Structures are given as C-alpha cells and as structure tokens.
Amino acid sequence: MSNLSIASVLGSSMPYVKVIAVGAADMGVPEIYTEIIQKGYGELVAFEPDPEAYKRLQEKSSDRPNISYFPLAVGDGSEFTLYLTNSGMTSSLFKPNHELLEKFHDLAELYQVVSEEKVKTVRLDDLGETSDADWLVMDTQGSELTIIHGAARLLKESIVVVQTEVLFIPHYIGQPLFSDIDIALRKHGFLIHSLTGIACPVMKSFPKNLTSLRTQASWTDFIYAKDFMLVGELPPRKRLALAVILHEAYRSYDLCSHVLKVHDEIEGTSFYDIYLSKL
C-alpha cells in the first residue's frame, strides 16, 4: 500500500474537504474520515441525536477547531420517533424488527429499546453548516433513505462521495433496504465504487460453533462516487476533492488517477503524471 500523501501531488491546489457524518456515535474505532481530519485536510460536520453519545463526542473533540458536532436527528424534515437502545449503536428512527432479529444468535439482544422520544428531523439541504460539502458518511440504522431525500440539492450540486451503511434484510420495521438506497443515489448521479466486508450473523437454526460457514448477508457499507464517466462535468475543486477522498480514505488509486487525468486534460495541469510517478 502506498504511503503517498496526495498533498505532495496537488500542492497549492489541495482542496479543503468538508465531511458530513450522520450517525457519528463513537464506536471505539477510527472512522473512515478520521485520517483526513487529523491531517488537517478538511473539516468534519457531524450529527448524533443520542444525548449520551453526543455528550461523549463533545468531550472528545473540544479542542479540535475543524470538528463540529450537533445533537440533531437528520432526515427529510418530518417528525419521527427515536428509539434508543441498550447498545446505543442500534438506536434508530425505526422500531427494531424483533421477529426477524430473533432468528439470529446474539442479535436481538443488541436491539432492546430502553426509551423513545419524538424528534423533528432536519434536512441537510437546509443547514448552513453543510453547504459546499464534499463527502457524506451515513450510519443511521435504517434512516439513510430519509436523509437522502432531505439532501437532494447537496447530492446533485456538491457531494462527490457517499459512504452509507445498508441493510439487506429489515432489522427495523418498515426500513428501506439496499435496493432503495441504490436507486436513490443513482438518480443523483452516483455509482457504486466499492464496499466493505458483508456481515453475516449466525442464524439460530445453525450451530454457533460453525460461524465460518454462515452465508446470510445482513449489512455492509457501500461507497458511492460521482459517475466516473461524467467527472469532467464537475467543478475543478470538486474533482480534486474527489481525488483526495479516493486516495486518502479508500486507497482507490485507479479511480483517483482517472479523476486526475480528466482534470489535467481540462485544466492543463500535470497531476496525473506526478501521481503515477510517486505511487
């Protein structure tokens, strides 16, 4: 894996990336955007409606000027019920589907609702803090499609990469699944770029000691990027922001090189040759 920093390629043209994270609770592991923020290559605007999780985030980031957290539920502007669970990481605007969750070992136990509250969601399109954002990261346990509906303008005009958790089976009652999210993002000009490993919890009908043989797909994260056939239509800064995210966060050297090559052809720069020479 290359240790190349793309800042050494772009120099003074290096863009400052704005990241929006929805569902930003600290899970004890670095987030996909952590390195970019720590290197000072961009800023993070994050949302977490769980009061306890939000409090922990605030305490952790109090001395970081390029990080802002907001205790808001993001969606399409509608009112929802926020279901807070015992594990925290499974809290959602949708009610857990225990009839399905009980079919798996040790899954329903993580989705026990401990409290409920009515929340009015906010639309990303309506917030000044999210203007000109480049990268949207969502981990909201089923409400991703609602967030997409409230971010139509940003997705069309501003955001160049989306990472979203998707579910293949309904952990929550009435939640949209992968196909719904995929259709919505493709309508906004995004294509699947890659995905993280697919999680396959063990069904109760199968012995727990045979976990290596499990196959029922449950959830993953998909990474979407603006259609690589239309990169030339992006504003120059957005092309370079796309290249930065692809290189620094995803180590997607092939697509990054394509973006830089198109940029060079339009702007008369030489980033592509420099990039390949340094890899």
C-alpha atoms as a PDB file:
ATOM      1  CA  MET A   1       0.000   0.000   0.000  1.00  0.00           C
ATOM      2  CA  SER A   2       1.343   3.410  -0.940  1.00  0.00           C
ATOM      3  CA  ASN A   3       2.252   5.888   1.812  1.00  0.00           C
ATOM      4  CA  LEU A   4       1.944   8.767  -0.630  1.00  0.00           C
ATOM      5  CA  SER A   5       0.156  11.856   0.639  1.00  0.00           C
ATOM      6  CA  ILE A   6      -1.818  13.408  -2.180  1.00  0.00           C
ATOM      7  CA  ALA A   7      -0.959  16.834  -0.789  1.00  0.00           C
ATOM      8  CA  SER A   8       2.537  16.322  -2.244  1.00  0.00           C
ATOM      9  CA  VAL A   9       0.933  15.917  -5.676  1.00  0.00           C
ATOM     10  CA  LEU A  10      -1.618  18.728  -5.603  1.00  0.00           C
ATOM     11  CA  GLY A  11       0.474  21.304  -3.748  1.00  0.00           C
ATOM     12  CA  SER A  12      -1.253  24.671  -3.538  1.00  0.00           C
ATOM     13  CA  SER A  13      -4.270  23.217  -5.392  1.00  0.00           C
ATOM     14  CA  MET A  14      -5.016  20.886  -2.484  1.00  0.00           C
ATOM     15  CA  PRO A  15      -8.723  21.396  -1.597  1.00  0.00           C
ATOM     16  CA  TYR A  16     -10.042  21.592   1.960  1.00  0.00           C
ATOM     17  CA  VAL A  17     -12.551  18.746   2.180  1.00  0.00           C
ATOM     18  CA  LYS A  18     -15.830  19.125   4.052  1.00  0.00           C
ATOM     19  CA  VAL A  19     -17.174  15.890   5.531  1.00  0.00           C
ATOM     20  CA  ILE A  20     -20.730  15.389   6.770  1.00  0.00           C
ATOM     21  CA  ALA A  21     -21.186  12.448   9.133  1.00  0.00           C
ATOM     22  CA  VAL A  22     -24.707  11.459  10.140  1.00  0.00           C
ATOM     23  CA  GLY A  23     -24.868   8.977  12.983  1.00  0.00           C
ATOM     24  CA  ALA A  24     -21.486   9.884  14.428  1.00  0.00           C
ATOM     25  CA  ALA A  25     -21.534   7.959  17.732  1.00  0.00           C
ATOM     26  CA  ASP A  26     -18.073   6.834  18.819  1.00  0.00           C
ATOM     27  CA  MET A  27     -17.841   3.062  18.321  1.00  0.00           C
ATOM     28  CA  GLY A  28     -14.288   2.850  19.654  1.00  0.00           C
ATOM     29  CA  VAL A  29     -12.598   2.514  16.254  1.00  0.00           C
ATOM     30  CA  PRO A  30     -11.367   5.229  13.851  1.00  0.00           C
ATOM     31  CA  GLU A  31     -13.953   6.410  11.347  1.00  0.00           C
ATOM     32  CA  ILE A  32     -13.227   6.334   7.624  1.00  0.00           C
ATOM     33  CA  TYR A  33     -12.742  10.116   7.643  1.00  0.00           C
ATOM     34  CA  THR A  34     -10.530  10.252  10.761  1.00  0.00           C
ATOM     35  CA  GLU A  35      -7.197  10.399   8.919  1.00  0.00           C
ATOM     36  CA  ILE A  36      -8.245  13.247   6.644  1.00  0.00           C
ATOM     37  CA  ILE A  37      -9.446  15.287   9.637  1.00  0.00           C
ATOM     38  CA  GLN A  38      -6.363  14.537  11.737  1.00  0.00           C
ATOM     39  CA  LYS A  39      -4.033  15.530   8.895  1.00  0.00           C
ATOM     40  CA  GLY A  40      -5.825  18.871   8.641  1.00  0.00           C
ATOM     41  CA  TYR A  41      -7.007  18.180   5.097  1.00  0.00           C
ATOM     42  CA  GLY A  42     -10.590  19.052   5.920  1.00  0.00           C
ATOM     43  CA  GLU A  43     -13.343  19.677   8.438  1.00  0.00           C
ATOM     44  CA  LEU A  44     -15.996  17.432   9.953  1.00  0.00           C
ATOM     45  CA  VAL A  45     -19.625  18.442  10.456  1.00  0.00           C
ATOM     46  CA  ALA A  46     -21.294  15.600  12.341  1.00  0.00           C
ATOM     47  CA  PHE A  47     -24.724  14.798  13.747  1.00  0.00           C
ATOM     48  CA  GLU A  48     -25.673  12.489  16.607  1.00  0.00           C
ATOM     49  CA  PRO A  49     -29.176  12.595  18.173  1.00  0.00           C
ATOM     50  CA  ASP A  50     -28.460  10.199  21.070  1.00  0.00           C
ATOM     51  CA  PRO A  51     -27.866  12.577  24.027  1.00  0.00           C
ATOM     52  CA  GLU A  52     -25.300  10.375  25.764  1.00  0.00           C
ATOM     53  CA  ALA A  53     -23.388   9.610  22.575  1.00  0.00           C
ATOM     54  CA  TYR A  54     -23.403  13.311  21.658  1.00  0.00           C
ATOM     55  CA  LYS A  55     -22.033  14.254  25.083  1.00  0.00           C
ATOM     56  CA  ARG A  56     -19.131  11.806  24.691  1.00  0.00           C
ATOM     57  CA  LEU A  57     -18.328  13.193  21.248  1.00  0.00           C
ATOM     58  CA  GLN A  58     -18.289  16.766  22.561  1.00  0.00           C
ATOM     59  CA  GLU A  59     -15.913  15.856  25.375  1.00  0.00           C
ATOM     60  CA  LYS A  60     -13.577  14.112  22.979  1.00  0.00           C
ATOM     61  CA  SER A  61     -13.389  16.896  20.385  1.00  0.00           C
ATOM     62  CA  SER A  62     -13.486  20.055  22.490  1.00  0.00           C
ATOM     63  CA  ASP A  63     -10.016  21.145  21.343  1.00  0.00           C
ATOM     64  CA  ARG A  64     -10.421  20.382  17.623  1.00  0.00           C
ATOM     65  CA  PRO A  65     -11.407  23.518  15.657  1.00  0.00           C
ATOM     66  CA  ASN A  66     -12.070  21.537  12.458  1.00  0.00           C
ATOM     67  CA  ILE A  67     -14.716  19.318  14.106  1.00  0.00           C
ATOM     68  CA  SER A  68     -18.312  20.363  14.857  1.00  0.00           C
ATOM     69  CA  TYR A  69     -20.979  18.119  16.396  1.00  0.00           C
ATOM     70  CA  PHE A  70     -24.704  18.793  16.505  1.00  0.00           C
ATOM     71  CA  PRO A  71     -27.296  16.909  18.625  1.00  0.00           C
ATOM     72  CA  LEU A  72     -29.776  16.715  15.756  1.00  0.00           C
ATOM     73  CA  ALA A  73     -31.696  13.923  14.042  1.00  0.00           C
ATOM     74  CA  VAL A  74     -31.208  14.226  10.298  1.00  0.00           C
ATOM     75  CA  GLY A  75     -33.896  13.232   7.822  1.00  0.00           C
ATOM     76  CA  ASP A  76     -36.434  14.792   5.481  1.00  0.00           C
ATOM     77  CA  GLY A  77     -37.868  17.321   7.928  1.00  0.00           C
ATOM     78  CA  SER A  78     -40.598  15.006   9.208  1.00  0.00           C
ATOM     79  CA  GLU A  79     -41.259  14.026  12.795  1.00  0.00           C
ATOM     80  CA  PHE A  80     -40.116  10.554  13.846  1.00  0.00           C
ATOM     81  CA  THR A  81     -39.842   8.504  16.991  1.00  0.00           C
ATOM     82  CA  LEU A  82     -36.240   7.993  18.053  1.00  0.00           C
ATOM     83  CA  TYR A  83     -35.826   4.522  19.527  1.00  0.00           C
ATOM     84  CA  LEU A  84     -32.838   4.500  21.893  1.00  0.00           C
ATOM     85  CA  THR A  85     -31.485   1.013  22.543  1.00  0.00           C
ATOM     86  CA  ASN A  86     -29.417  -0.669  25.211  1.00  0.00           C
ATOM     87  CA  SER A  87     -26.361  -0.951  22.963  1.00  0.00           C
ATOM     88  CA  GLY A  88     -26.554   2.584  21.583  1.00  0.00           C
ATOM     89  CA  MET A  89     -25.168   1.540  18.209  1.00  0.00           C
ATOM     90  CA  THR A  90     -28.576   0.187  17.157  1.00  0.00           C
ATOM     91  CA  SER A  91     -30.639   3.254  18.087  1.00  0.00           C
ATOM     92  CA  SER A  92     -32.801   4.277  15.150  1.00  0.00           C
ATOM     93  CA  LEU A  93     -35.714   6.300  13.808  1.00  0.00           C
ATOM     94  CA  PHE A  94     -37.264   2.908  13.034  1.00  0.00           C
ATOM     95  CA  LYS A  95     -38.520   0.342  15.522  1.00  0.00           C
ATOM     96  CA  PRO A  96     -36.417  -2.847  15.817  1.00  0.00           C
ATOM     97  CA  ASN A  97     -37.862  -5.828  13.976  1.00  0.00           C
ATOM     98  CA  HIS A  98     -37.570  -8.384  16.782  1.00  0.00           C
ATOM     99  CA  GLU A  99     -39.469 -11.070  14.898  1.00  0.00           C
ATOM    100  CA  LEU A 100     -36.583 -11.136  12.396  1.00  0.00           C
ATOM    101  CA  LEU A 101     -33.749 -10.373  14.831  1.00  0.00           C
ATOM    102  CA  GLU A 102     -34.715 -13.339  16.999  1.00  0.00           C
ATOM    103  CA  LYS A 103     -33.823 -15.668  14.121  1.00  0.00           C
ATOM    104  CA  PHE A 104     -30.123 -14.944  14.759  1.00  0.00           C
ATOM    105  CA  HIS A 105     -27.750 -15.714  17.590  1.00  0.00           C
ATOM    106  CA  ASP A 106     -26.986 -12.731  19.865  1.00  0.00           C
ATOM    107  CA  LEU A 107     -28.585 -10.116  17.612  1.00  0.00           C
ATOM    108  CA  ALA A 108     -31.938  -9.221  19.185  1.00  0.00           C
ATOM    109  CA  GLU A 109     -30.122  -8.656  22.487  1.00  0.00           C
ATOM    110  CA  LEU A 110     -28.435  -5.588  20.959  1.00  0.00           C
ATOM    111  CA  TYR A 111     -31.726  -4.009  19.870  1.00  0.00           C
ATOM    112  CA  GLN A 112     -33.597  -3.671  23.163  1.00  0.00           C
ATOM    113  CA  VAL A 113     -35.418  -0.330  23.267  1.00  0.00           C
ATOM    114  CA  VAL A 114     -34.828   1.489  26.566  1.00  0.00           C
ATOM    115  CA  SER A 115     -36.556   4.778  25.737  1.00  0.00           C
ATOM    116  CA  GLU A 116     -38.460   6.563  22.991  1.00  0.00           C
ATOM    117  CA  GLU A 117     -38.799  10.234  22.131  1.00  0.00           C
ATOM    118  CA  LYS A 118     -40.373  12.272  19.371  1.00  0.00           C
ATOM    119  CA  VAL A 119     -37.869  14.184  17.250  1.00  0.00           C
ATOM    120  CA  LYS A 120     -38.261  16.650  14.399  1.00  0.00           C
ATOM    121  CA  THR A 121     -35.662  15.803  11.796  1.00  0.00           C
ATOM    122  CA  VAL A 122     -33.628  18.423   9.971  1.00  0.00           C
ATOM    123  CA  ARG A 123     -32.771  18.387   6.261  1.00  0.00           C
ATOM    124  CA  LEU A 124     -29.105  18.636   5.297  1.00  0.00           C
ATOM    125  CA  ASP A 125     -30.165  20.922   2.442  1.00  0.00           C
ATOM    126  CA  ASP A 126     -31.482  23.460   4.956  1.00  0.00           C
ATOM    127  CA  LEU A 127     -28.371  23.792   7.140  1.00  0.00           C
ATOM    128  CA  GLY A 128     -25.732  26.427   6.502  1.00  0.00           C
ATOM    129  CA  GLU A 129     -23.099  24.253   8.174  1.00  0.00           C
ATOM    130  CA  THR A 130     -23.397  21.638   5.406  1.00  0.00           C
ATOM    131  CA  SER A 131     -23.078  23.999   2.429  1.00  0.00           C
ATOM    132  CA  ASP A 132     -20.497  23.012  -0.190  1.00  0.00           C
ATOM    133  CA  ALA A 133     -19.936  19.625   1.477  1.00  0.00           C
ATOM    134  CA  ASP A 134     -17.882  17.075  -0.442  1.00  0.00           C
ATOM    135  CA  TRP A 135     -18.370  13.785   1.367  1.00  0.00           C
ATOM    136  CA  LEU A 136     -21.404  12.279   3.104  1.00  0.00           C
ATOM    137  CA  VAL A 137     -20.965   9.380   5.534  1.00  0.00           C
ATOM    138  CA  MET A 138     -24.116   7.764   6.955  1.00  0.00           C
ATOM    139  CA  ASP A 139     -24.539   5.131   9.657  1.00  0.00           C
ATOM    140  CA  THR A 140     -28.060   5.644  10.931  1.00  0.00           C
ATOM    141  CA  GLN A 141     -29.578   2.182  11.240  1.00  0.00           C
ATOM    142  CA  GLY A 142     -32.237   2.344   8.560  1.00  0.00           C
ATOM    143  CA  SER A 143     -32.940   6.040   8.019  1.00  0.00           C
ATOM    144  CA  GLU A 144     -30.382   6.596   5.248  1.00  0.00           C
ATOM    145  CA  LEU A 145     -33.008   6.972   2.520  1.00  0.00           C
ATOM    146  CA  THR A 146     -34.807   9.630   4.541  1.00  0.00           C
ATOM    147  CA  ILE A 147     -31.517  11.535   4.812  1.00  0.00           C
ATOM    148  CA  ILE A 148     -31.002  11.267   1.053  1.00  0.00           C
ATOM    149  CA  HIS A 149     -34.453  12.744   0.454  1.00  0.00           C
ATOM    150  CA  GLY A 150     -33.520  15.714   2.635  1.00  0.00           C
ATOM    151  CA  ALA A 151     -30.204  16.255   0.843  1.00  0.00           C
ATOM    152  CA  ALA A 152     -31.271  16.274  -2.811  1.00  0.00           C
ATOM    153  CA  ARG A 153     -29.622  19.605  -3.594  1.00  0.00           C
ATOM    154  CA  LEU A 154     -26.336  18.735  -1.894  1.00  0.00           C
ATOM    155  CA  LEU A 155     -26.177  15.369  -3.634  1.00  0.00           C
ATOM    156  CA  LYS A 156     -26.818  16.944  -7.011  1.00  0.00           C
ATOM    157  CA  GLU A 157     -24.596  20.006  -6.720  1.00  0.00           C
ATOM    158  CA  SER A 158     -21.989  19.441  -4.035  1.00  0.00           C
ATOM    159  CA  ILE A 159     -21.267  15.976  -2.645  1.00  0.00           C
ATOM    160  CA  VAL A 160     -18.922  13.757  -4.677  1.00  0.00           C
ATOM    161  CA  VAL A 161     -18.617  10.676  -2.422  1.00  0.00           C
ATOM    162  CA  VAL A 162     -21.183   8.906  -0.242  1.00  0.00           C
ATOM    163  CA  GLN A 163     -20.445   6.105   2.184  1.00  0.00           C
ATOM    164  CA  THR A 164     -23.567   4.543   3.604  1.00  0.00           C
ATOM    165  CA  GLU A 165     -24.403   1.560   5.707  1.00  0.00           C
ATOM    166  CA  VAL A 166     -27.060  -0.563   4.020  1.00  0.00           C
ATOM    167  CA  LEU A 167     -29.109  -3.486   5.220  1.00  0.00           C
ATOM    168  CA  PHE A 168     -30.071  -6.402   3.025  1.00  0.00           C
ATOM    169  CA  ILE A 169     -32.693  -7.702   5.456  1.00  0.00           C
ATOM    170  CA  PRO A 170     -35.011  -5.493   7.577  1.00  0.00           C
ATOM    171  CA  HIS A 171     -33.540  -5.173  11.070  1.00  0.00           C
ATOM    172  CA  TYR A 172     -36.150  -2.451  11.604  1.00  0.00           C
ATOM    173  CA  ILE A 173     -39.844  -2.390  10.800  1.00  0.00           C
ATOM    174  CA  GLY A 174     -40.562  -0.532   7.558  1.00  0.00           C
ATOM    175  CA  GLN A 175     -36.969   0.455   6.868  1.00  0.00           C
ATOM    176  CA  PRO A 176     -35.654   0.887   3.293  1.00  0.00           C
ATOM    177  CA  LEU A 177     -33.130  -1.714   2.146  1.00  0.00           C
ATOM    178  CA  PHE A 178     -30.075  -1.638  -0.103  1.00  0.00           C
ATOM    179  CA  SER A 179     -32.007  -1.573  -3.384  1.00  0.00           C
ATOM    180  CA  ASP A 180     -33.966   1.504  -2.289  1.00  0.00           C
ATOM    181  CA  ILE A 181     -30.816   3.409  -1.371  1.00  0.00           C
ATOM    182  CA  ASP A 182     -29.020   2.336  -4.539  1.00  0.00           C
ATOM    183  CA  ILE A 183     -31.837   3.576  -6.769  1.00  0.00           C
ATOM    184  CA  ALA A 184     -31.970   6.911  -4.939  1.00  0.00           C
ATOM    185  CA  LEU A 185     -28.222   7.557  -5.166  1.00  0.00           C
ATOM    186  CA  ARG A 186     -28.025   6.554  -8.834  1.00  0.00           C
ATOM    187  CA  LYS A 187     -30.733   9.129  -9.552  1.00  0.00           C
ATOM    188  CA  HIS A 188     -28.345  11.735  -8.143  1.00  0.00           C
ATOM    189  CA  GLY A 189     -25.507  10.669 -10.434  1.00  0.00           C
ATOM    190  CA  PHE A 190     -23.631   8.248  -8.171  1.00  0.00           C
ATOM    191  CA  LEU A 191     -22.273   4.808  -8.999  1.00  0.00           C
ATOM    192  CA  ILE A 192     -21.115   2.076  -6.646  1.00  0.00           C
ATOM    193  CA  HIS A 193     -17.351   2.209  -6.290  1.00  0.00           C
ATOM    194  CA  SER A 194     -16.692  -0.435  -3.643  1.00  0.00           C
ATOM    195  CA  LEU A 195     -17.971  -1.946  -0.424  1.00  0.00           C
ATOM    196  CA  THR A 196     -16.684  -3.127   2.914  1.00  0.00           C
ATOM    197  CA  GLY A 197     -16.979  -6.733   4.064  1.00  0.00           C
ATOM    198  CA  ILE A 198     -20.512  -8.105   4.248  1.00  0.00           C
ATOM    199  CA  ALA A 199     -21.673  -9.001   7.753  1.00  0.00           C
ATOM    200  CA  CYS A 200     -23.372 -12.384   8.080  1.00  0.00           C
ATOM    201  CA  PRO A 201     -24.738 -13.055  11.569  1.00  0.00           C
ATOM    202  CA  VAL A 202     -25.339 -16.686  12.500  1.00  0.00           C
ATOM    203  CA  MET A 203     -28.913 -17.953  12.284  1.00  0.00           C
ATOM    204  CA  LYS A 204     -30.249 -19.756  15.349  1.00  0.00           C
ATOM    205  CA  SER A 205     -31.082 -22.767  13.240  1.00  0.00           C
ATOM    206  CA  PHE A 206     -27.320 -23.201  12.732  1.00  0.00           C
ATOM    207  CA  PRO A 207     -24.745 -24.111  15.443  1.00  0.00           C
ATOM    208  CA  LYS A 208     -22.741 -21.144  16.731  1.00  0.00           C
ATOM    209  CA  ASN A 209     -19.516 -23.145  16.531  1.00  0.00           C
ATOM    210  CA  LEU A 210     -19.871 -23.249  12.720  1.00  0.00           C
ATOM    211  CA  THR A 211     -19.724 -19.485  12.231  1.00  0.00           C
ATOM    212  CA  SER A 212     -17.211 -19.769   9.397  1.00  0.00           C
ATOM    213  CA  LEU A 213     -19.960 -21.370   7.299  1.00  0.00           C
ATOM    214  CA  ARG A 214     -22.530 -18.588   7.698  1.00  0.00           C
ATOM    215  CA  THR A 215     -23.806 -17.029   4.469  1.00  0.00           C
ATOM    216  CA  GLN A 216     -26.935 -14.935   5.137  1.00  0.00           C
ATOM    217  CA  ALA A 217     -25.971 -11.397   4.092  1.00  0.00           C
ATOM    218  CA  SER A 218     -27.192  -8.831   6.592  1.00  0.00           C
ATOM    219  CA  TRP A 219     -25.404  -5.486   6.240  1.00  0.00           C
ATOM    220  CA  THR A 220     -22.383  -3.683   4.837  1.00  0.00           C
ATOM    221  CA  ASP A 221     -21.153  -0.220   3.876  1.00  0.00           C
ATOM    222  CA  PHE A 222     -21.218   0.811   0.227  1.00  0.00           C
ATOM    223  CA  ILE A 223     -19.028   3.565  -1.174  1.00  0.00           C
ATOM    224  CA  TYR A 224     -20.575   5.600  -3.982  1.00  0.00           C
ATOM    225  CA  ALA A 225     -18.716   8.115  -6.132  1.00  0.00           C
ATOM    226  CA  LYS A 226     -19.942  10.517  -8.780  1.00  0.00           C
ATOM    227  CA  ASP A 227     -20.182   8.727 -12.135  1.00  0.00           C
ATOM    228  CA  PHE A 228     -16.608   8.455 -13.438  1.00  0.00           C
ATOM    229  CA  MET A 229     -17.886   8.946 -16.985  1.00  0.00           C
ATOM    230  CA  LEU A 230     -19.062  12.439 -16.011  1.00  0.00           C
ATOM    231  CA  VAL A 231     -16.101  13.601 -13.903  1.00  0.00           C
ATOM    232  CA  GLY A 232     -15.308  16.247 -16.493  1.00  0.00           C
ATOM    233  CA  GLU A 233     -18.608  17.976 -15.713  1.00  0.00           C
ATOM    234  CA  LEU A 234     -17.649  18.577 -12.079  1.00  0.00           C
ATOM    235  CA  PRO A 235     -16.248  21.959 -10.993  1.00  0.00           C
ATOM    236  CA  PRO A 236     -12.427  21.850 -10.700  1.00  0.00           C
ATOM    237  CA  ARG A 237     -12.396  21.974  -6.891  1.00  0.00           C
ATOM    238  CA  LYS A 238     -14.911  19.136  -6.699  1.00  0.00           C
ATOM    239  CA  ARG A 239     -12.782  16.968  -8.976  1.00  0.00           C
ATOM    240  CA  LEU A 240      -9.793  17.474  -6.730  1.00  0.00           C
ATOM    241  CA  ALA A 241     -11.849  16.867  -3.584  1.00  0.00           C
ATOM    242  CA  LEU A 242     -12.987  13.599  -5.136  1.00  0.00           C
ATOM    243  CA  ALA A 243      -9.371  12.649  -5.818  1.00  0.00           C
ATOM    244  CA  VAL A 244      -8.340  13.458  -2.235  1.00  0.00           C
ATOM    245  CA  ILE A 245     -11.119  11.345  -0.708  1.00  0.00           C
ATOM    246  CA  LEU A 246     -10.482   8.421  -3.041  1.00  0.00           C
ATOM    247  CA  HIS A 247      -6.751   8.411  -2.353  1.00  0.00           C
ATOM    248  CA  GLU A 248      -6.580   9.266   1.335  1.00  0.00           C
ATOM    249  CA  ALA A 249      -9.637   7.418   2.666  1.00  0.00           C
ATOM    250  CA  TYR A 250     -10.155   4.495   0.324  1.00  0.00           C
ATOM    251  CA  ARG A 251      -6.724   3.928  -1.283  1.00  0.00           C
ATOM    252  CA  SER A 252      -8.601   3.877  -4.604  1.00  0.00           C
ATOM    253  CA  TYR A 253      -5.556   4.678  -6.685  1.00  0.00           C
ATOM    254  CA  ASP A 254      -7.071   3.631 -10.007  1.00  0.00           C
ATOM    255  CA  LEU A 255     -10.144   5.848  -9.818  1.00  0.00           C
ATOM    256  CA  CYS A 256      -8.098   8.662  -8.306  1.00  0.00           C
ATOM    257  CA  SER A 257      -5.726   8.531 -11.280  1.00  0.00           C
ATOM    258  CA  HIS A 258      -8.675   8.652 -13.675  1.00  0.00           C
ATOM    259  CA  VAL A 259     -10.017  11.765 -11.940  1.00  0.00           C
ATOM    260  CA  LEU A 260      -6.607  13.464 -12.069  1.00  0.00           C
ATOM    261  CA  LYS A 261      -6.156  12.585 -15.747  1.00  0.00           C
ATOM    262  CA  VAL A 262      -9.520  14.128 -16.660  1.00  0.00           C
ATOM    263  CA  HIS A 263      -8.691  17.180 -14.551  1.00  0.00           C
ATOM    264  CA  ASP A 264      -5.357  17.630 -16.338  1.00  0.00           C
ATOM    265  CA  GLU A 265      -6.997  17.409 -19.752  1.00  0.00           C
ATOM    266  CA  ILE A 266      -9.409  20.204 -18.829  1.00  0.00           C
ATOM    267  CA  GLU A 267      -7.205  22.458 -16.710  1.00  0.00           C
ATOM    268  CA  GLY A 268      -3.801  21.916 -18.334  1.00  0.00           C
ATOM    269  CA  THR A 269      -2.200  20.666 -15.103  1.00  0.00           C
ATOM    270  CA  SER A 270       0.124  17.678 -14.722  1.00  0.00           C
ATOM    271  CA  PHE A 271      -1.154  15.996 -11.570  1.00  0.00           C
ATOM    272  CA  TYR A 272      -1.718  12.623 -13.263  1.00  0.00           C
ATOM    273  CA  ASP A 273       1.924  12.131 -14.273  1.00  0.00           C
ATOM    274  CA  ILE A 274       3.190  13.295 -10.880  1.00  0.00           C
ATOM    275  CA  TYR A 275       0.756  10.987  -9.107  1.00  0.00           C
ATOM    276  CA  LEU A 276       1.759   7.890 -11.061  1.00  0.00           C
ATOM    277  CA  SER A 277       5.455   8.669 -10.621  1.00  0.00           C
ATOM    278  CA  LYS A 278       5.046   8.809  -6.835  1.00  0.00           C
ATOM    279  CA  LEU A 279       2.909   5.698  -6.328  1.00  0.00           C
END
